C-alpha atoms as a PDB file:
ATOM      1  CA  MET A   1    -101.440  76.232-229.249  1.00  0.00           C
ATOM      2  CA  GLN A   2    -100.393  73.492-226.944  1.00  0.00           C
ATOM      3  CA  LYS A   3     -97.464  75.397-225.480  1.00  0.00           C
ATOM      4  CA  PRO A   4     -99.062  78.659-224.640  1.00  0.00           C
ATOM      5  CA  ALA A   5    -101.818  76.600-222.769  1.00  0.00           C
ATOM      6  CA  ARG A   6     -99.146  74.772-220.839  1.00  0.00           C
ATOM      7  CA  LEU A   7     -97.434  78.129-220.272  1.00  0.00           C
ATOM      8  CA  THR A   8    -100.478  79.366-219.170  1.00  0.00           C
ATOM      9  CA  ALA A   9    -100.914  76.354-216.487  1.00  0.00           C
ATOM     10  CA  ILE A  10     -97.599  76.820-215.234  1.00  0.00           C
ATOM     11  CA  ILE A  11     -98.087  80.390-214.470  1.00  0.00           C
ATOM     12  CA  SER A  12    -101.479  79.751-212.980  1.00  0.00           C
ATOM     13  CA  ALA A  13     -99.700  76.962-210.568  1.00  0.00           C
ATOM     14  CA  VAL A  14     -96.960  79.201-209.472  1.00  0.00           C
ATOM     15  CA  PHE A  15     -99.469  82.076-208.832  1.00  0.00           C
ATOM     16  CA  VAL A  16    -101.733  79.455-206.619  1.00  0.00           C
ATOM     17  CA  CYS A  17     -98.147  78.376-204.896  1.00  0.00           C
ATOM     18  CA  ILE A  18     -97.251  81.822-203.865  1.00  0.00           C
ATOM     19  CA  ILE A  19    -100.980  82.696-203.049  1.00  0.00           C
ATOM     20  CA  GLY A  20    -100.881  79.621-200.634  1.00  0.00           C
ATOM     21  CA  SER A  21     -97.593  80.269-199.233  1.00  0.00           C
ATOM     22  CA  LEU A  22     -98.954  83.755-197.985  1.00  0.00           C
ATOM     23  CA  LEU A  23    -102.357  82.461-196.750  1.00  0.00           C
ATOM     24  CA  ILE A  24    -100.992  79.485-194.846  1.00  0.00           C
ATOM     25  CA  PRO A  25     -98.611  81.578-192.454  1.00  0.00           C
ATOM     26  CA  ALA A  26    -101.847  83.829-191.839  1.00  0.00           C
ATOM     27  CA  PHE A  27    -104.137  81.061-191.266  1.00  0.00           C
ATOM     28  CA  ALA A  28    -101.611  79.367-188.777  1.00  0.00           C
ATOM     29  CA  SER A  29    -101.334  82.821-187.242  1.00  0.00           C
ATOM     30  CA  ALA A  30    -105.128  83.017-186.604  1.00  0.00           C
ATOM     31  CA  GLN A  31    -105.165  79.125-185.374  1.00  0.00           C
ATOM     32  CA  THR A  32    -102.282  80.284-182.708  1.00  0.00           C
ATOM     33  CA  ALA A  33    -104.246  83.411-181.661  1.00  0.00           C
ATOM     34  CA  GLN A  34    -107.171  81.332-180.640  1.00  0.00           C
ATOM     35  CA  TRP A  35    -105.104  79.667-177.980  1.00  0.00           C
ATOM     36  CA  SER A  36    -102.628  82.876-177.221  1.00  0.00           C
ATOM     37  CA  GLY A  37    -104.644  83.409-173.916  1.00  0.00           C
ATOM     38  CA  PRO A  38    -104.773  81.067-170.654  1.00  0.00           C
ATOM     39  CA  ARG A  39    -105.571  77.403-171.816  1.00  0.00           C
ATOM     40  CA  PRO A  40    -108.094  75.770-169.476  1.00  0.00           C
ATOM     41  CA  ASN A  41    -105.616  73.535-167.245  1.00  0.00           C
ATOM     42  CA  GLU A  42    -105.557  72.143-163.687  1.00  0.00           C
ATOM     43  CA  ASN A  43    -103.850  75.187-162.129  1.00  0.00           C
ATOM     44  CA  MET A  44    -107.160  77.210-163.073  1.00  0.00           C
ATOM     45  CA  VAL A  45    -109.711  75.024-161.152  1.00  0.00           C
ATOM     46  CA  ALA A  46    -111.094  77.255-158.377  1.00  0.00           C
ATOM     47  CA  ASP A  47    -112.516  76.417-154.934  1.00  0.00           C
ATOM     48  CA  GLN A  48    -116.446  75.514-154.934  1.00  0.00           C
ATOM     49  CA  PRO A  49    -117.638  76.215-151.401  1.00  0.00           C
ATOM     50  CA  GLY A  50    -121.270  74.802-151.269  1.00  0.00           C
ATOM     51  CA  VAL A  51    -121.026  72.258-153.925  1.00  0.00           C
ATOM     52  CA  VAL A  52    -121.907  68.459-152.585  1.00  0.00           C
ATOM     53  CA  PRO A  53    -120.565  65.736-154.500  1.00  0.00           C
ATOM     54  CA  SER A  54    -122.705  62.718-155.212  1.00  0.00           C
ATOM     55  CA  ALA A  55    -121.602  59.033-154.282  1.00  0.00           C
ATOM     56  CA  ASP A  56    -120.964  58.376-158.213  1.00  0.00           C
ATOM     57  CA  GLU A  57    -118.672  61.669-158.317  1.00  0.00           C
ATOM     58  CA  GLU A  58    -116.695  60.487-155.610  1.00  0.00           C
ATOM     59  CA  THR A  59    -115.919  56.920-157.255  1.00  0.00           C
ATOM     60  CA  LEU A  60    -112.524  57.481-158.598  1.00  0.00           C
ATOM     61  CA  PRO A  61    -110.825  56.174-161.747  1.00  0.00           C
ATOM     62  CA  ILE A  62    -108.957  52.913-161.181  1.00  0.00           C
ATOM     63  CA  GLU A  63    -105.540  54.416-160.902  1.00  0.00           C
ATOM     64  CA  TYR A  64    -106.389  56.754-158.084  1.00  0.00           C
ATOM     65  CA  THR A  65    -108.509  54.057-156.107  1.00  0.00           C
ATOM     66  CA  ARG A  66    -107.368  53.222-152.751  1.00  0.00           C
ATOM     67  CA  GLN A  67    -105.540  50.190-152.753  1.00  0.00           C
ATOM     68  CA  VAL A  68    -102.737  48.112-151.245  1.00  0.00           C
ATOM     69  CA  VAL A  69     -99.532  48.094-153.436  1.00  0.00           C
ATOM     70  CA  PHE A  70     -95.859  46.942-153.415  1.00  0.00           C
ATOM     71  CA  PHE A  71     -93.771  49.988-151.899  1.00  0.00           C
ATOM     72  CA  ARG A  72     -90.168  49.744-150.890  1.00  0.00           C
ATOM     73  CA  THR A  73     -89.194  51.738-147.824  1.00  0.00           C
ATOM     74  CA  THR A  74     -87.207  51.888-144.865  1.00  0.00           C
ATOM     75  CA  GLU A  75     -89.785  53.835-143.040  1.00  0.00           C
ATOM     76  CA  ALA A  76     -91.600  52.513-140.004  1.00  0.00           C
ATOM     77  CA  PRO A  77     -95.327  51.077-140.569  1.00  0.00           C
ATOM     78  CA  GLY A  78     -97.724  54.043-139.991  1.00  0.00           C
ATOM     79  CA  THR A  79     -95.741  56.665-141.845  1.00  0.00           C
ATOM     80  CA  ILE A  80     -97.216  58.728-144.271  1.00  0.00           C
ATOM     81  CA  ILE A  81     -95.227  59.310-147.582  1.00  0.00           C
ATOM     82  CA  VAL A  82     -96.593  61.574-150.061  1.00  0.00           C
ATOM     83  CA  HIS A  83     -95.031  61.977-153.768  1.00  0.00           C
ATOM     84  CA  THR A  84     -96.507  64.839-155.173  1.00  0.00           C
ATOM     85  CA  GLN A  85     -95.313  64.070-158.572  1.00  0.00           C
ATOM     86  CA  GLU A  86     -97.056  60.819-158.764  1.00  0.00           C
ATOM     87  CA  ARG A  87    -100.423  62.263-157.091  1.00  0.00           C
ATOM     88  CA  PHE A  88    -100.166  59.733-154.481  1.00  0.00           C
ATOM     89  CA  LEU A  89    -100.281  59.248-150.817  1.00  0.00           C
ATOM     90  CA  TYR A  90     -98.948  56.066-149.223  1.00  0.00           C
ATOM     91  CA  LEU A  91     -99.648  54.883-145.532  1.00  0.00           C
ATOM     92  CA  VAL A  92     -96.645  52.335-144.999  1.00  0.00           C
ATOM     93  CA  LEU A  93     -98.200  49.085-143.757  1.00  0.00           C
ATOM     94  CA  GLY A  94     -94.829  47.173-143.569  1.00  0.00           C
ATOM     95  CA  ASN A  95     -93.367  44.226-145.299  1.00  0.00           C
ATOM     96  CA  ASN A  96     -92.992  46.259-148.631  1.00  0.00           C
ATOM     97  CA  ARG A  97     -96.525  46.772-148.865  1.00  0.00           C
ATOM     98  CA  ALA A  98     -98.350  50.473-148.323  1.00  0.00           C
ATOM     99  CA  LEU A  99    -102.246  51.320-148.792  1.00  0.00           C
ATOM    100  CA  ARG A 100    -101.999  54.258-151.743  1.00  0.00           C
ATOM    101  CA  TYR A 101    -104.547  56.889-152.020  1.00  0.00           C
ATOM    102  CA  GLY A 102    -104.975  59.156-155.104  1.00  0.00           C
ATOM    103  CA  ILE A 103    -104.484  63.037-154.014  1.00  0.00           C
ATOM    104  CA  GLY A 104    -104.968  66.328-155.313  1.00  0.00           C
ATOM    105  CA  VAL A 105    -101.382  68.339-154.632  1.00  0.00           C
ATOM    106  CA  GLY A 106    -100.382  72.067-154.750  1.00  0.00           C
ATOM    107  CA  ARG A 107    -100.218  73.642-157.935  1.00  0.00           C
ATOM    108  CA  GLU A 108     -97.205  75.314-159.074  1.00  0.00           C
ATOM    109  CA  GLY A 109     -95.412  77.827-156.665  1.00  0.00           C
ATOM    110  CA  PHE A 110     -97.500  76.220-154.118  1.00  0.00           C
ATOM    111  CA  GLN A 111     -95.376  72.765-153.825  1.00  0.00           C
ATOM    112  CA  TRP A 112     -93.484  72.100-151.031  1.00  0.00           C
ATOM    113  CA  SER A 113     -91.275  68.749-149.359  1.00  0.00           C
ATOM    114  CA  GLY A 114     -90.066  68.032-145.869  1.00  0.00           C
ATOM    115  CA  LEU A 115     -90.416  66.152-143.012  1.00  0.00           C
ATOM    116  CA  LYS A 116     -93.225  67.031-140.499  1.00  0.00           C
ATOM    117  CA  ARG A 117     -95.759  65.347-138.009  1.00  0.00           C
ATOM    118  CA  ILE A 118     -99.598  65.511-137.796  1.00  0.00           C
ATOM    119  CA  VAL A 119    -100.418  67.723-134.857  1.00  0.00           C
ATOM    120  CA  ARG A 120    -104.253  67.767-134.918  1.00  0.00           C
ATOM    121  CA  LYS A 121    -107.306  65.737-136.513  1.00  0.00           C
ATOM    122  CA  ALA A 122    -110.668  67.192-137.072  1.00  0.00           C
ATOM    123  CA  GLU A 123    -114.048  65.727-138.220  1.00  0.00           C
ATOM    124  CA  TRP A 124    -115.980  67.963-140.527  1.00  0.00           C
ATOM    125  CA  PRO A 125    -113.654  71.015-139.978  1.00  0.00           C
ATOM    126  CA  ASP A 126    -114.597  74.530-140.613  1.00  0.00           C
ATOM    127  CA  TRP A 127    -112.898  76.395-143.192  1.00  0.00           C
ATOM    128  CA  VAL A 128    -111.167  79.703-142.780  1.00  0.00           C
ATOM    129  CA  PRO A 129    -109.257  80.912-146.060  1.00  0.00           C
ATOM    130  CA  PRO A 130    -106.272  82.595-145.146  1.00  0.00           C
ATOM    131  CA  PRO A 131    -105.706  85.861-146.389  1.00  0.00           C
ATOM    132  CA  GLU A 132    -103.487  85.001-148.887  1.00  0.00           C
ATOM    133  CA  MET A 133    -106.321  83.007-150.627  1.00  0.00           C
ATOM    134  CA  ILE A 134    -108.613  85.511-150.423  1.00  0.00           C
ATOM    135  CA  GLU A 135    -106.821  87.782-151.957  1.00  0.00           C
ATOM    136  CA  ARG A 136    -106.411  85.480-154.836  1.00  0.00           C
ATOM    137  CA  GLN A 137    -109.968  84.615-154.786  1.00  0.00           C
ATOM    138  CA  PRO A 138    -112.101  87.609-153.271  1.00  0.00           C
ATOM    139  CA  TYR A 139    -115.450  85.874-153.863  1.00  0.00           C
ATOM    140  CA  LEU A 140    -114.495  83.081-151.152  1.00  0.00           C
ATOM    141  CA  PRO A 141    -116.468  83.154-147.853  1.00  0.00           C
ATOM    142  CA  ARG A 142    -114.253  84.570-144.887  1.00  0.00           C
ATOM    143  CA  PHE A 143    -115.878  81.356-142.781  1.00  0.00           C
ATOM    144  CA  MET A 144    -117.552  78.067-143.491  1.00  0.00           C
ATOM    145  CA  ALA A 145    -118.974  75.647-141.186  1.00  0.00           C
ATOM    146  CA  GLY A 146    -118.039  72.372-141.474  1.00  0.00           C
ATOM    147  CA  GLY A 147    -119.959  70.146-143.679  1.00  0.00           C
ATOM    148  CA  PRO A 148    -120.895  67.946-146.993  1.00  0.00           C
ATOM    149  CA  GLY A 149    -120.164  71.487-149.162  1.00  0.00           C
ATOM    150  CA  ASN A 150    -116.963  72.348-147.314  1.00  0.00           C
ATOM    151  CA  PRO A 151    -113.990  72.505-149.541  1.00  0.00           C
ATOM    152  CA  LEU A 152    -111.933  70.462-146.419  1.00  0.00           C
ATOM    153  CA  GLY A 153    -114.409  67.677-146.768  1.00  0.00           C
ATOM    154  CA  ALA A 154    -115.052  64.971-144.065  1.00  0.00           C
ATOM    155  CA  ARG A 155    -111.770  64.923-142.231  1.00  0.00           C
ATOM    156  CA  ALA A 156    -108.594  66.943-141.857  1.00  0.00           C
ATOM    157  CA  LEU A 157    -105.162  65.866-140.616  1.00  0.00           C
ATOM    158  CA  TYR A 158    -103.003  69.198-139.793  1.00  0.00           C
ATOM    159  CA  ILE A 159     -99.406  68.762-140.609  1.00  0.00           C
ATOM    160  CA  GLY A 160     -97.275  70.465-137.794  1.00  0.00           C
ATOM    161  CA  GLY A 161     -95.141  73.631-138.467  1.00  0.00           C
ATOM    162  CA  THR A 162     -96.991  74.615-141.689  1.00  0.00           C
ATOM    163  CA  VAL A 163    -100.471  75.967-142.664  1.00  0.00           C
ATOM    164  CA  TYR A 164    -101.029  72.836-144.500  1.00  0.00           C
ATOM    165  CA  ARG A 165    -103.384  69.717-144.370  1.00  0.00           C
ATOM    166  CA  VAL A 166    -104.432  66.524-145.460  1.00  0.00           C
ATOM    167  CA  HIS A 167    -107.964  66.810-146.139  1.00  0.00           C
ATOM    168  CA  GLY A 168    -111.095  65.758-147.861  1.00  0.00           C
ATOM    169  CA  THR A 169    -112.904  67.640-150.783  1.00  0.00           C
ATOM    170  CA  ASN A 170    -115.986  68.618-152.117  1.00  0.00           C
ATOM    171  CA  GLN A 171    -114.326  68.586-155.697  1.00  0.00           C
ATOM    172  CA  PRO A 172    -113.520  64.848-156.479  1.00  0.00           C
ATOM    173  CA  GLU A 173    -112.711  65.408-159.921  1.00  0.00           C
ATOM    174  CA  THR A 174    -109.459  67.341-158.836  1.00  0.00           C
ATOM    175  CA  ILE A 175    -108.128  64.218-157.701  1.00  0.00           C
ATOM    176  CA  GLY A 176    -104.816  63.513-159.581  1.00  0.00           C
ATOM    177  CA  SER A 177    -104.257  67.171-160.256  1.00  0.00           C
ATOM    178  CA  ALA A 178    -101.821  70.063-158.871  1.00  0.00           C
ATOM    179  CA  VAL A 179    -104.485  72.534-157.948  1.00  0.00           C
ATOM    180  CA  SER A 180    -104.454  73.231-154.192  1.00  0.00           C
ATOM    181  CA  SER A 181    -102.630  75.996-152.269  1.00  0.00           C
ATOM    182  CA  GLY A 182    -100.204  73.482-150.694  1.00  0.00           C
ATOM    183  CA  CYS A 183    -102.695  71.015-148.998  1.00  0.00           C
ATOM    184  CA  PHE A 184    -103.286  67.434-149.976  1.00  0.00           C
ATOM    185  CA  ARG A 185    -106.723  66.319-150.815  1.00  0.00           C
ATOM    186  CA  LEU A 186    -108.633  63.259-150.936  1.00  0.00           C
ATOM    187  CA  VAL A 187    -111.854  62.093-151.692  1.00  0.00           C
ATOM    188  CA  ASN A 188    -114.308  61.987-148.667  1.00  0.00           C
ATOM    189  CA  PRO A 189    -114.411  58.136-148.262  1.00  0.00           C
ATOM    190  CA  ASP A 190    -110.557  57.739-148.374  1.00  0.00           C
ATOM    191  CA  VAL A 191    -109.837  60.736-146.275  1.00  0.00           C
ATOM    192  CA  ILE A 192    -112.165  59.165-143.652  1.00  0.00           C
ATOM    193  CA  ASP A 193    -110.179  55.820-143.936  1.00  0.00           C
ATOM    194  CA  LEU A 194    -107.126  57.435-143.675  1.00  0.00           C
ATOM    195  CA  TYR A 195    -108.164  59.401-140.470  1.00  0.00           C
ATOM    196  CA  ASP A 196    -109.337  56.170-138.814  1.00  0.00           C
ATOM    197  CA  ARG A 197    -105.852  54.694-139.411  1.00  0.00           C
ATOM    198  CA  VAL A 198    -103.374  57.293-138.002  1.00  0.00           C
ATOM    199  CA  PRO A 199    -102.897  59.121-134.978  1.00  0.00           C
ATOM    200  CA  VAL A 200    -102.042  62.441-133.900  1.00  0.00           C
ATOM    201  CA  GLY A 201     -97.987  62.205-133.981  1.00  0.00           C
ATOM    202  CA  THR A 202     -97.794  60.124-137.454  1.00  0.00           C
ATOM    203  CA  LYS A 203     -94.709  61.298-139.525  1.00  0.00           C
ATOM    204  CA  VAL A 204     -95.195  62.543-142.858  1.00  0.00           C
ATOM    205  CA  ILE A 205     -92.679  62.825-145.320  1.00  0.00           C
ATOM    206  CA  VAL A 206     -93.401  64.913-148.604  1.00  0.00           C
ATOM    207  CA  VAL A 207     -91.385  64.137-151.638  1.00  0.00           C
ATOM    208  CA  GLN A 208     -91.395  66.451-154.746  1.00  0.00           C
ATOM    209  CA  GLY A 209     -90.061  63.768-156.905  1.00  0.00           C
ATOM    210  CA  ALA A 210     -91.024  60.273-158.127  1.00  0.00           C
ATOM    211  CA  GLY A 211     -89.108  58.491-155.256  1.00  0.00           C
ATOM    212  CA  LEU A 212     -87.113  58.686-151.774  1.00  0.00           C
END
């Protein structure tokens, strides 16, 4: 009597294993299918004209807070050096020190590098999205006067020979991300601080990697 019972148990176990082996891939496929579309990521953050951040929202995590750091470079004091991979902008102070700001950078396909200069500065700049941006985001306004809800924020430093700027933002949560169309964004308190420190003609070095 024991042998048939044992045989039945073995057959049942084999049957369960076979059914399980068929169901697990199907379950895995179903789980994968849930994520087969675009994942929420930094490249999907849209511009939000009209949104005004609070002072609390403009308080950054400690790693992106403006601070003096050790920074070895042969560039002269007053030079701006942007490390897109690190998500930091450095203002060289000399004596192996720099003032470091957390920034948002260009998303994939909109990143760049080179040596330029600041050619213009503006307080509470107006925003005129270029045609390429309107094509990608047709809901955007064609013009927006400067102000707290303007995506360019409180200040803008225009980079010569390009369409790019170092500017403020009304989306402080994007600092540390790659979301822009090639500009470098800072929270408004930081861009005001930087604006007051650098004159027109300041050298700007943009580096893709983590170092010069």
